[in-house]
């Protein structure tokens, strides 16, 4: 990742995306999210919705594919519809 501004942007975006999916996670677990080098690319390219989508996909692979994944998909479709208008 780049400088401090970019790292902080990635951290804020990851945190917000994770909080949006929090209701789908079990209460008896702790989670650690580590931003890898490609995370800044996702934030720049797709923004918060892209990060939510990626996190929802990851949670689905872990077996916690609840309403968060569906919300992320709906938000993505809504964004696409706005762009087309």
Foldseek 3Di string as FASTA:
>chain_A
DDDPVLVVQLVVLLVVLCVLCVVLDDPPDDDDDDDDPCSSVQCVPPNSLSSNCVVLVVVVVVVSNPCSNVVSVVVVVVVVVVVVD
